[in-house]
C-alpha atoms as a PDB file:
ATOM      1  CA  MET A   1      19.426  28.493 -30.116  1.00  0.00           C
ATOM      2  CA  LYS A   2      15.831  29.840 -30.088  1.00  0.00           C
ATOM      3  CA  THR A   3      14.573  26.458 -28.825  1.00  0.00           C
ATOM      4  CA  HIS A   4      17.142  26.453 -25.969  1.00  0.00           C
ATOM      5  CA  ILE A   5      16.070  29.922 -24.985  1.00  0.00           C
ATOM      6  CA  ILE A   6      12.377  28.969 -24.910  1.00  0.00           C
ATOM      7  CA  ASP A   7      13.236  25.891 -22.934  1.00  0.00           C
ATOM      8  CA  PHE A   8      15.334  27.915 -20.457  1.00  0.00           C
ATOM      9  CA  SER A   9      12.305  30.287 -20.055  1.00  0.00           C
ATOM     10  CA  LYS A  10       9.962  27.533 -19.385  1.00  0.00           C
ATOM     11  CA  GLY A  11      12.419  25.954 -16.773  1.00  0.00           C
ATOM     12  CA  LEU A  12      12.648  29.262 -15.203  1.00  0.00           C
ATOM     13  CA  VAL A  13       8.963  29.524 -14.554  1.00  0.00           C
ATOM     14  CA  ILE A  14       8.870  25.975 -13.391  1.00  0.00           C
ATOM     15  CA  GLY A  15      11.525  26.582 -10.854  1.00  0.00           C
ATOM     16  CA  ILE A  16       9.856  29.737  -9.542  1.00  0.00           C
ATOM     17  CA  ALA A  17       6.508  27.792  -9.162  1.00  0.00           C
ATOM     18  CA  ASN A  18       8.213  25.149  -7.182  1.00  0.00           C
ATOM     19  CA  VAL A  19       9.139  27.525  -4.477  1.00  0.00           C
ATOM     20  CA  ILE A  20       5.772  29.181  -4.070  1.00  0.00           C
ATOM     21  CA  PRO A  21       3.371  27.258  -1.724  1.00  0.00           C
ATOM     22  CA  GLY A  22       0.198  26.172  -3.612  1.00  0.00           C
ATOM     23  CA  LEU A  23       1.769  26.291  -6.986  1.00  0.00           C
ATOM     24  CA  SER A  24       2.776  23.101  -8.875  1.00  0.00           C
ATOM     25  CA  GLY A  25       5.836  22.814 -11.035  1.00  0.00           C
ATOM     26  CA  GLY A  26       4.303  19.815 -12.563  1.00  0.00           C
ATOM     27  CA  THR A  27       1.261  21.884 -13.532  1.00  0.00           C
ATOM     28  CA  ILE A  28       3.337  24.640 -15.067  1.00  0.00           C
ATOM     29  CA  ALA A  29       5.154  21.901 -17.146  1.00  0.00           C
ATOM     30  CA  VAL A  30       1.826  20.757 -18.481  1.00  0.00           C
ATOM     31  CA  VAL A  31       0.955  24.300 -19.203  1.00  0.00           C
ATOM     32  CA  PHE A  32       4.154  24.890 -21.170  1.00  0.00           C
ATOM     33  CA  ASN A  33       3.688  21.587 -23.171  1.00  0.00           C
ATOM     34  CA  VAL A  34       6.969  20.109 -21.808  1.00  0.00           C
ATOM     35  CA  TYR A  35       5.491  17.627 -19.224  1.00  0.00           C
ATOM     36  CA  ASP A  36       5.998  14.495 -21.448  1.00  0.00           C
ATOM     37  CA  LYS A  37       9.388  15.544 -22.426  1.00  0.00           C
ATOM     38  CA  LEU A  38      10.501  15.790 -18.943  1.00  0.00           C
ATOM     39  CA  ILE A  39       8.862  12.499 -17.794  1.00  0.00           C
ATOM     40  CA  ASN A  40      10.491  10.658 -20.673  1.00  0.00           C
ATOM     41  CA  ALA A  41      13.911  12.113 -20.098  1.00  0.00           C
ATOM     42  CA  LEU A  42      13.915  11.991 -16.369  1.00  0.00           C
ATOM     43  CA  LYS A  43      13.030   8.288 -16.224  1.00  0.00           C
ATOM     44  CA  SER A  44      16.202   7.412 -18.246  1.00  0.00           C
ATOM     45  CA  LEU A  45      18.437   9.790 -16.153  1.00  0.00           C
ATOM     46  CA  PHE A  46      20.338   6.910 -14.557  1.00  0.00           C
ATOM     47  CA  LYS A  47      20.305   4.720 -17.517  1.00  0.00           C
ATOM     48  CA  THR A  48      21.407   7.162 -20.215  1.00  0.00           C
ATOM     49  CA  PRO A  49      22.429  10.326 -18.241  1.00  0.00           C
ATOM     50  CA  ILE A  50      24.284  12.071 -21.152  1.00  0.00           C
ATOM     51  CA  SER A  51      21.233  11.756 -23.435  1.00  0.00           C
ATOM     52  CA  ALA A  52      18.899  12.910 -20.737  1.00  0.00           C
ATOM     53  CA  LEU A  53      20.971  16.013 -19.946  1.00  0.00           C
ATOM     54  CA  LYS A  54      21.267  16.800 -23.650  1.00  0.00           C
ATOM     55  CA  GLU A  55      17.434  16.768 -23.812  1.00  0.00           C
ATOM     56  CA  LEU A  56      16.907  18.699 -20.659  1.00  0.00           C
ATOM     57  CA  TRP A  57      19.915  20.964 -20.011  1.00  0.00           C
ATOM     58  CA  ALA A  58      18.275  24.107 -20.872  1.00  0.00           C
ATOM     59  CA  ILE A  59      15.163  23.438 -18.791  1.00  0.00           C
ATOM     60  CA  ILE A  60      17.341  22.372 -15.778  1.00  0.00           C
ATOM     61  CA  LEU A  61      19.447  25.452 -15.916  1.00  0.00           C
ATOM     62  CA  GLY A  62      16.304  27.578 -16.192  1.00  0.00           C
ATOM     63  CA  PHE A  63      14.798  25.569 -13.274  1.00  0.00           C
ATOM     64  CA  ILE A  64      17.909  26.324 -11.051  1.00  0.00           C
ATOM     65  CA  VAL A  65      17.884  29.925 -11.983  1.00  0.00           C
ATOM     66  CA  GLY A  66      14.146  30.103 -11.254  1.00  0.00           C
ATOM     67  CA  VAL A  67      14.565  28.608  -7.856  1.00  0.00           C
ATOM     68  CA  VAL A  68      17.237  31.225  -6.926  1.00  0.00           C
ATOM     69  CA  ILE A  69      15.055  34.121  -8.269  1.00  0.00           C
ATOM     70  CA  ALA A  70      12.037  32.688  -6.330  1.00  0.00           C
ATOM     71  CA  VAL A  71      14.071  32.595  -3.090  1.00  0.00           C
ATOM     72  CA  PHE A  72      15.343  36.032  -3.317  1.00  0.00           C
ATOM     73  CA  VAL A  73      12.685  37.959  -5.413  1.00  0.00           C
ATOM     74  CA  VAL A  74       9.352  36.125  -5.951  1.00  0.00           C
ATOM     75  CA  ILE A  75       8.811  35.281  -2.263  1.00  0.00           C
ATOM     76  CA  HIS A  76       9.268  39.070  -1.633  1.00  0.00           C
ATOM     77  CA  LEU A  77       6.778  39.989  -4.420  1.00  0.00           C
ATOM     78  CA  ILE A  78       4.157  37.475  -3.489  1.00  0.00           C
ATOM     79  CA  THR A  79       4.503  38.734   0.237  1.00  0.00           C
ATOM     80  CA  ASN A  80       3.781  42.443  -0.954  1.00  0.00           C
ATOM     81  CA  TYR A  81       1.567  41.717  -4.057  1.00  0.00           C
ATOM     82  CA  PRO A  82       0.067  38.237  -3.323  1.00  0.00           C
ATOM     83  CA  ILE A  83      -3.125  38.694  -5.423  1.00  0.00           C
ATOM     84  CA  PRO A  84      -1.667  39.971  -8.726  1.00  0.00           C
ATOM     85  CA  LEU A  85       1.143  37.419  -8.769  1.00  0.00           C
ATOM     86  CA  THR A  86      -0.988  34.505  -7.610  1.00  0.00           C
ATOM     87  CA  MET A  87      -3.748  35.228  -9.969  1.00  0.00           C
ATOM     88  CA  LEU A  88      -1.340  35.414 -12.903  1.00  0.00           C
ATOM     89  CA  PHE A  89      -0.294  31.766 -12.119  1.00  0.00           C
ATOM     90  CA  VAL A  90      -4.119  30.735 -11.872  1.00  0.00           C
ATOM     91  CA  GLY A  91      -4.734  32.297 -15.209  1.00  0.00           C
ATOM     92  CA  LEU A  92      -1.842  30.226 -16.795  1.00  0.00           C
ATOM     93  CA  ILE A  93      -3.422  27.081 -15.452  1.00  0.00           C
ATOM     94  CA  ILE A  94      -7.029  27.843 -16.428  1.00  0.00           C
ATOM     95  CA  GLY A  95      -5.710  28.591 -19.940  1.00  0.00           C
ATOM     96  CA  ALA A  96      -4.114  25.244 -20.248  1.00  0.00           C
ATOM     97  CA  ILE A  97      -7.248  23.175 -19.336  1.00  0.00           C
ATOM     98  CA  PRO A  98      -8.765  23.287 -22.959  1.00  0.00           C
ATOM     99  CA  ARG A  99      -5.579  22.175 -24.541  1.00  0.00           C
ATOM    100  CA  ILE A 100      -5.165  19.107 -22.209  1.00  0.00           C
ATOM    101  CA  TYR A 101      -8.737  18.217 -22.695  1.00  0.00           C
ATOM    102  CA  GLN A 102      -8.266  18.098 -26.457  1.00  0.00           C
ATOM    103  CA  ASN A 103      -6.191  14.851 -25.977  1.00  0.00           C
ATOM    104  CA  ILE A 104      -9.283  12.877 -24.792  1.00  0.00           C
ATOM    105  CA  LYS A 105     -12.151  14.943 -26.060  1.00  0.00           C
ATOM    106  CA  ASP A 106     -13.269  12.447 -28.615  1.00  0.00           C
ATOM    107  CA  GLU A 107     -12.760   9.316 -26.270  1.00  0.00           C
ATOM    108  CA  LYS A 108     -15.418   7.619 -24.389  1.00  0.00           C
ATOM    109  CA  LYS A 109     -15.077   7.878 -20.602  1.00  0.00           C
ATOM    110  CA  THR A 110     -15.515   4.955 -18.507  1.00  0.00           C
ATOM    111  CA  PHE A 111     -16.819   4.912 -14.856  1.00  0.00           C
ATOM    112  CA  VAL A 112     -13.101   4.383 -13.678  1.00  0.00           C
ATOM    113  CA  ASP A 113     -12.200   7.528 -15.588  1.00  0.00           C
ATOM    114  CA  TRP A 114     -14.824   9.661 -13.861  1.00  0.00           C
ATOM    115  CA  LEU A 115     -14.090   8.242 -10.459  1.00  0.00           C
ATOM    116  CA  VAL A 116     -10.317   9.120 -10.878  1.00  0.00           C
ATOM    117  CA  PHE A 117     -11.280  12.592 -12.084  1.00  0.00           C
ATOM    118  CA  ILE A 118     -13.437  13.174  -9.075  1.00  0.00           C
ATOM    119  CA  VAL A 119     -11.035  11.662  -6.493  1.00  0.00           C
ATOM    120  CA  PHE A 120      -8.116  13.737  -7.681  1.00  0.00           C
ATOM    121  CA  ILE A 121     -10.140  16.849  -7.409  1.00  0.00           C
ATOM    122  CA  MET A 122     -11.078  15.919  -3.793  1.00  0.00           C
ATOM    123  CA  VAL A 123      -7.472  14.942  -2.827  1.00  0.00           C
ATOM    124  CA  LEU A 124      -6.256  18.403  -4.109  1.00  0.00           C
ATOM    125  CA  LEU A 125      -8.823  20.239  -2.365  1.00  0.00           C
ATOM    126  CA  PHE A 126      -8.251  18.484   0.873  1.00  0.00           C
ATOM    127  CA  LEU A 127      -4.491  18.943   0.832  1.00  0.00           C
ATOM    128  CA  PRO A 128      -4.416  22.520   1.929  1.00  0.00           C
ATOM    129  CA  LEU A 129      -6.562  21.749   4.952  1.00  0.00           C
ATOM    130  CA  LEU A 130      -3.948  19.751   6.476  1.00  0.00           C
ATOM    131  CA  PRO A 131      -2.108  21.271   9.336  1.00  0.00           C
ATOM    132  CA  SER A 132       1.337  22.691   8.700  1.00  0.00           C
ATOM    133  CA  ASN A 133       4.198  23.393  11.345  1.00  0.00           C
ATOM    134  CA  ASP A 134       7.529  24.895  11.307  1.00  0.00           C
ATOM    135  CA  PHE A 135      10.337  23.312  13.403  1.00  0.00           C
ATOM    136  CA  VAL A 136      13.891  24.220  14.403  1.00  0.00           C
ATOM    137  CA  PHE A 137      16.189  21.439  13.013  1.00  0.00           C
ATOM    138  CA  GLU A 138      19.332  20.093  14.393  1.00  0.00           C
ATOM    139  CA  ILE A 139      21.642  18.144  11.974  1.00  0.00           C
ATOM    140  CA  ASN A 140      21.731  14.453  13.105  1.00  0.00           C
ATOM    141  CA  VAL A 141      21.177  11.077  11.548  1.00  0.00           C
ATOM    142  CA  LEU A 142      17.361  11.315  12.119  1.00  0.00           C
ATOM    143  CA  THR A 143      17.096  14.777  10.377  1.00  0.00           C
ATOM    144  CA  ILE A 144      19.202  13.579   7.419  1.00  0.00           C
ATOM    145  CA  ILE A 145      17.020  10.576   6.880  1.00  0.00           C
ATOM    146  CA  SER A 146      14.018  12.768   7.235  1.00  0.00           C
ATOM    147  CA  LEU A 147      15.422  15.360   4.803  1.00  0.00           C
ATOM    148  CA  PHE A 148      15.897  12.359   2.301  1.00  0.00           C
ATOM    149  CA  LEU A 149      12.443  11.079   2.575  1.00  0.00           C
ATOM    150  CA  VAL A 150      10.917  14.587   2.388  1.00  0.00           C
ATOM    151  CA  GLY A 151      12.961  15.038  -0.851  1.00  0.00           C
ATOM    152  CA  VAL A 152      11.545  11.879  -2.226  1.00  0.00           C
ATOM    153  CA  ILE A 153       7.948  12.880  -1.413  1.00  0.00           C
ATOM    154  CA  SER A 154       8.533  16.392  -2.671  1.00  0.00           C
ATOM    155  CA  ALA A 155       9.896  15.127  -5.909  1.00  0.00           C
ATOM    156  CA  ALA A 156       6.777  13.008  -6.363  1.00  0.00           C
ATOM    157  CA  SER A 157       4.681  16.111  -5.743  1.00  0.00           C
ATOM    158  CA  MET A 158       6.791  18.098  -8.333  1.00  0.00           C
ATOM    159  CA  VAL A 159       6.299  15.531 -11.004  1.00  0.00           C
ATOM    160  CA  ILE A 160       2.535  15.141 -10.448  1.00  0.00           C
ATOM    161  CA  PRO A 161       0.731  18.021 -11.944  1.00  0.00           C
ATOM    162  CA  GLY A 162      -1.484  19.954  -9.508  1.00  0.00           C
ATOM    163  CA  ILE A 163       0.332  19.029  -6.368  1.00  0.00           C
ATOM    164  CA  SER A 164       2.524  21.612  -4.863  1.00  0.00           C
ATOM    165  CA  GLY A 165       5.993  20.467  -3.764  1.00  0.00           C
ATOM    166  CA  SER A 166       6.476  23.635  -1.510  1.00  0.00           C
ATOM    167  CA  MET A 167       2.893  22.874   0.124  1.00  0.00           C
ATOM    168  CA  ILE A 168       4.198  19.344   1.025  1.00  0.00           C
ATOM    169  CA  LEU A 169       7.311  20.999   2.400  1.00  0.00           C
ATOM    170  CA  MET A 170       5.074  23.411   4.465  1.00  0.00           C
ATOM    171  CA  ILE A 171       2.967  20.654   5.657  1.00  0.00           C
ATOM    172  CA  SER A 172       5.954  18.672   6.840  1.00  0.00           C
ATOM    173  CA  GLY A 173       7.532  21.629   8.544  1.00  0.00           C
ATOM    174  CA  PHE A 174      10.656  21.911   6.283  1.00  0.00           C
ATOM    175  CA  TYR A 175       9.516  24.717   3.962  1.00  0.00           C
ATOM    176  CA  PHE A 176      11.373  27.665   5.556  1.00  0.00           C
ATOM    177  CA  TYR A 177      14.228  25.441   6.655  1.00  0.00           C
ATOM    178  CA  ILE A 178      14.958  24.156   3.098  1.00  0.00           C
ATOM    179  CA  TRP A 179      14.457  27.584   1.246  1.00  0.00           C
ATOM    180  CA  THR A 180      16.361  29.582   3.766  1.00  0.00           C
ATOM    181  CA  THR A 181      19.268  27.174   3.591  1.00  0.00           C
ATOM    182  CA  VAL A 182      19.159  27.356  -0.299  1.00  0.00           C
ATOM    183  CA  GLY A 183      19.319  31.183   0.114  1.00  0.00           C
ATOM    184  CA  ASP A 184      22.300  30.866   2.466  1.00  0.00           C
ATOM    185  CA  LEU A 185      24.056  28.551  -0.038  1.00  0.00           C
ATOM    186  CA  VAL A 186      23.611  31.019  -2.798  1.00  0.00           C
ATOM    187  CA  THR A 187      24.865  33.871  -0.717  1.00  0.00           C
ATOM    188  CA  ALA A 188      27.884  31.831   0.692  1.00  0.00           C
ATOM    189  CA  THR A 189      28.683  30.735  -3.017  1.00  0.00           C
ATOM    190  CA  LEU A 190      28.682  34.365  -4.241  1.00  0.00           C
ATOM    191  CA  SER A 191      30.931  35.437  -1.376  1.00  0.00           C
ATOM    192  CA  LEU A 192      33.103  32.417  -1.553  1.00  0.00           C
ATOM    193  CA  SER A 193      32.665  31.477   2.095  1.00  0.00           C
ATOM    194  CA  PHE A 194      33.662  27.747   1.988  1.00  0.00           C
ATOM    195  CA  PRO A 195      32.802  26.871   5.629  1.00  0.00           C
ATOM    196  CA  GLU A 196      29.203  28.441   5.157  1.00  0.00           C
ATOM    197  CA  ILE A 197      28.923  26.505   1.840  1.00  0.00           C
ATOM    198  CA  PHE A 198      29.720  23.372   3.453  1.00  0.00           C
ATOM    199  CA  ALA A 199      27.218  24.047   6.318  1.00  0.00           C
ATOM    200  CA  SER A 200      24.486  24.722   3.766  1.00  0.00           C
ATOM    201  CA  LEU A 201      25.353  21.678   1.585  1.00  0.00           C
ATOM    202  CA  LEU A 202      25.214  19.335   4.620  1.00  0.00           C
ATOM    203  CA  PRO A 203      21.384  19.392   4.954  1.00  0.00           C
ATOM    204  CA  LEU A 204      20.637  20.016   1.279  1.00  0.00           C
ATOM    205  CA  THR A 205      22.604  16.943   0.148  1.00  0.00           C
ATOM    206  CA  PRO A 206      20.174  14.337   1.359  1.00  0.00           C
ATOM    207  CA  PHE A 207      17.230  16.476   0.379  1.00  0.00           C
ATOM    208  CA  GLY A 208      18.766  16.795  -3.050  1.00  0.00           C
ATOM    209  CA  ILE A 209      19.482  13.086  -3.382  1.00  0.00           C
ATOM    210  CA  GLY A 210      15.838  12.393  -2.326  1.00  0.00           C
ATOM    211  CA  ILE A 211      14.681  14.736  -5.068  1.00  0.00           C
ATOM    212  CA  ILE A 212      16.789  13.004  -7.821  1.00  0.00           C
ATOM    213  CA  ILE A 213      15.682   9.577  -6.846  1.00  0.00           C
ATOM    214  CA  GLY A 214      12.055  10.415  -6.305  1.00  0.00           C
ATOM    215  CA  ILE A 215      11.870  12.294  -9.690  1.00  0.00           C
ATOM    216  CA  VAL A 216      13.521   9.411 -11.681  1.00  0.00           C
ATOM    217  CA  TYR A 217      11.351   6.663 -10.232  1.00  0.00           C
ATOM    218  CA  ILE A 218       8.161   8.531 -10.075  1.00  0.00           C
ATOM    219  CA  SER A 219       8.729   9.458 -13.732  1.00  0.00           C
ATOM    220  CA  LYS A 220       9.107   5.975 -14.617  1.00  0.00           C
ATOM    221  CA  LEU A 221       5.861   5.046 -12.872  1.00  0.00           C
ATOM    222  CA  ILE A 222       3.948   7.909 -14.596  1.00  0.00           C
ATOM    223  CA  SER A 223       5.448   6.934 -17.881  1.00  0.00           C
ATOM    224  CA  ARG A 224       4.260   3.265 -17.645  1.00  0.00           C
ATOM    225  CA  LEU A 225       0.823   4.678 -16.527  1.00  0.00           C
ATOM    226  CA  PHE A 226       0.612   6.790 -19.678  1.00  0.00           C
ATOM    227  CA  GLU A 227       1.389   3.872 -21.850  1.00  0.00           C
ATOM    228  CA  LYS A 228      -1.261   1.578 -20.366  1.00  0.00           C
ATOM    229  CA  TYR A 229      -3.985   4.059 -19.046  1.00  0.00           C
ATOM    230  CA  SER A 230      -3.400   7.310 -20.947  1.00  0.00           C
ATOM    231  CA  ARG A 231      -7.116   8.267 -20.849  1.00  0.00           C
ATOM    232  CA  THR A 232      -7.468   7.748 -17.145  1.00  0.00           C
ATOM    233  CA  VAL A 233      -4.209   9.598 -16.517  1.00  0.00           C
ATOM    234  CA  TYR A 234      -5.449  12.623 -18.595  1.00  0.00           C
ATOM    235  CA  CYS A 235      -8.627  12.539 -16.567  1.00  0.00           C
ATOM    236  CA  ALA A 236      -6.519  12.647 -13.240  1.00  0.00           C
ATOM    237  CA  ILE A 237      -4.499  15.563 -14.488  1.00  0.00           C
ATOM    238  CA  ILE A 238      -7.540  17.477 -15.664  1.00  0.00           C
ATOM    239  CA  GLY A 239      -9.017  16.994 -12.285  1.00  0.00           C
ATOM    240  CA  LEU A 240      -5.817  18.289 -10.795  1.00  0.00           C
ATOM    241  CA  LEU A 241      -5.762  21.274 -13.004  1.00  0.00           C
ATOM    242  CA  ILE A 242      -9.444  22.136 -12.166  1.00  0.00           C
ATOM    243  CA  ALA A 243      -8.880  21.857  -8.525  1.00  0.00           C
ATOM    244  CA  SER A 244      -5.541  23.663  -8.575  1.00  0.00           C
ATOM    245  CA  PRO A 245      -6.852  27.339  -8.935  1.00  0.00           C
ATOM    246  CA  LEU A 246      -9.109  26.656  -5.995  1.00  0.00           C
ATOM    247  CA  THR A 247      -6.242  25.385  -3.784  1.00  0.00           C
ATOM    248  CA  ILE A 248      -3.830  28.133  -4.908  1.00  0.00           C
ATOM    249  CA  ILE A 249      -6.478  30.871  -3.993  1.00  0.00           C
ATOM    250  CA  TYR A 250      -7.233  29.232  -0.691  1.00  0.00           C
ATOM    251  CA  SER A 251      -3.486  29.004   0.037  1.00  0.00           C
ATOM    252  CA  MET A 252      -3.112  32.764  -0.856  1.00  0.00           C
ATOM    253  CA  ILE A 253      -5.916  33.755   1.447  1.00  0.00           C
ATOM    254  CA  SER A 254      -4.544  31.608   4.264  1.00  0.00           C
ATOM    255  CA  GLU A 255      -1.027  32.827   3.822  1.00  0.00           C
ATOM    256  CA  TYR A 256      -1.568  36.534   3.105  1.00  0.00           C
ATOM    257  CA  SER A 257      -4.935  37.392   4.488  1.00  0.00           C
ATOM    258  CA  GLU A 258      -3.513  40.343   6.545  1.00  0.00           C
ATOM    259  CA  GLU A 259      -1.499  41.776   3.620  1.00  0.00           C
ATOM    260  CA  MET A 260      -4.677  41.425   1.437  1.00  0.00           C
ATOM    261  CA  GLN A 261      -6.651  43.812   3.640  1.00  0.00           C
ATOM    262  CA  ASN A 262      -4.748  46.824   2.304  1.00  0.00           C
ATOM    263  CA  ASN A 263      -6.273  48.239  -0.906  1.00  0.00           C
ATOM    264  CA  LEU A 264      -8.379  45.017  -1.179  1.00  0.00           C
ATOM    265  CA  THR A 265     -10.736  46.218  -3.978  1.00  0.00           C
ATOM    266  CA  LEU A 266      -7.637  47.586  -6.089  1.00  0.00           C
ATOM    267  CA  ASN A 267      -5.878  44.204  -5.475  1.00  0.00           C
ATOM    268  CA  ILE A 268      -8.908  42.283  -6.660  1.00  0.00           C
ATOM    269  CA  ILE A 269      -9.279  44.303  -9.827  1.00  0.00           C
ATOM    270  CA  ILE A 270      -5.570  44.009 -10.674  1.00  0.00           C
ATOM    271  CA  GLY A 271      -5.908  40.186  -9.725  1.00  0.00           C
ATOM    272  CA  VAL A 272      -8.610  39.757 -12.354  1.00  0.00           C
ATOM    273  CA  ILE A 273      -6.614  41.543 -14.858  1.00  0.00           C
ATOM    274  CA  THR A 274      -3.536  39.385 -14.253  1.00  0.00           C
ATOM    275  CA  LEU A 275      -5.761  36.293 -14.353  1.00  0.00           C
ATOM    276  CA  ILE A 276      -7.020  37.270 -17.846  1.00  0.00           C
ATOM    277  CA  ILE A 277      -3.338  37.985 -18.939  1.00  0.00           C
ATOM    278  CA  GLY A 278      -2.175  34.673 -17.684  1.00  0.00           C
ATOM    279  CA  ALA A 279      -5.048  32.776 -19.339  1.00  0.00           C
ATOM    280  CA  ALA A 280      -4.584  34.660 -22.573  1.00  0.00           C
ATOM    281  CA  ALA A 281      -0.805  33.847 -22.447  1.00  0.00           C
ATOM    282  CA  SER A 282      -1.429  30.240 -21.855  1.00  0.00           C
ATOM    283  CA  LEU A 283      -3.990  29.922 -24.718  1.00  0.00           C
ATOM    284  CA  TYR A 284      -1.464  31.825 -27.089  1.00  0.00           C
ATOM    285  CA  MET A 285       1.424  29.402 -26.092  1.00  0.00           C
ATOM    286  CA  SER A 286      -0.822  26.537 -26.856  1.00  0.00           C
ATOM    287  CA  SER A 287      -1.495  27.895 -30.233  1.00  0.00           C
ATOM    288  CA  LEU A 288       2.109  28.242 -31.007  1.00  0.00           C
ATOM    289  CA  ASN A 289       2.625  24.598 -30.734  1.00  0.00           C
ATOM    290  CA  ASN A 290       0.344  22.421 -32.912  1.00  0.00           C
ATOM    291  CA  THR A 291       2.056  19.053 -31.908  1.00  0.00           C
ATOM    292  CA  LYS A 292       0.959  17.406 -28.832  1.00  0.00           C
ATOM    293  CA  ASP A 293       3.759  16.895 -26.515  1.00  0.00           C
ATOM    294  CA  THR A 294       1.686  15.072 -24.028  1.00  0.00           C
ATOM    295  CA  GLU A 295       0.659  12.286 -26.570  1.00  0.00           C
ATOM    296  CA  PRO A 296       1.148   8.924 -25.019  1.00  0.00           C
ATOM    297  CA  LYS A 297       2.552   7.572 -28.509  1.00  0.00           C
ATOM    298  CA  GLU A 298       5.565   9.622 -27.963  1.00  0.00           C
ATOM    299  CA  ALA A 299       6.328   7.846 -24.728  1.00  0.00           C
ATOM    300  CA  GLN A 300       5.917   4.665 -26.359  1.00  0.00           C
ATOM    301  CA  GLU A 301       8.378   5.588 -29.222  1.00  0.00           C
ATOM    302  CA  ILE A 302      10.953   6.597 -26.754  1.00  0.00           C
ATOM    303  CA  ASN A 303      10.698   3.491 -24.855  1.00  0.00           C
END
């Protein structure tokens, strides 16, 4: 029971992170030491769904609740208190880097490893510089296809640590449309308004299908990469983790620059405090788990 509560809590934070632009659910999964567990279960979702769901049901339930909370609460909090909340997540990420590095600390790095490390840092630093737009959408065949494709791309970004799925949605112009529709669906479900439920499900269904397909097949790809090139994959992940705090802070400044002007000094002080709290919490969670959930041997055993 205790394990399920812990998994639910981890899924909760991963769900919240997937809604906030700049934050990566994949990164939070790495921080909480459940990344490989998710990858190995998700890649077999179509083949052995019952087994995969038994493994992940608490995390999935927490993820769903986290998304709902983020849509209604966290977005409000980050709008009003952007520095403290964002820096808390930054602290969680920074605190996870030493543990991830332990997986390859004693291995000799090749030129390819260093190249991949640098490339992934540069890619993540470049991502927030891409222009983003918000559009008004009408439901038609083209929109449904676009929602499906955006779902696949967002799923890939959710699975890959350091890449923000919501940032991809924002760049594609679907961010507010998707999360507003999710909010409408939750509200309509609670009020049992079936016409509104159907209206919300219509655009979310192709997006959701794209998410599922993208997660399953990207998970398979990442699992194969772990089996054959685990050291290089870890170098890529560490590069993403190192760049993530910079992209998150940049996104925070770009998105909430006006809000940050009020009590700027106080916000910075509180932000430093929450960053330290996040880093300490991440290091503490690492110390609680002496086993390496991200060890590639586990992936091979499951296969």
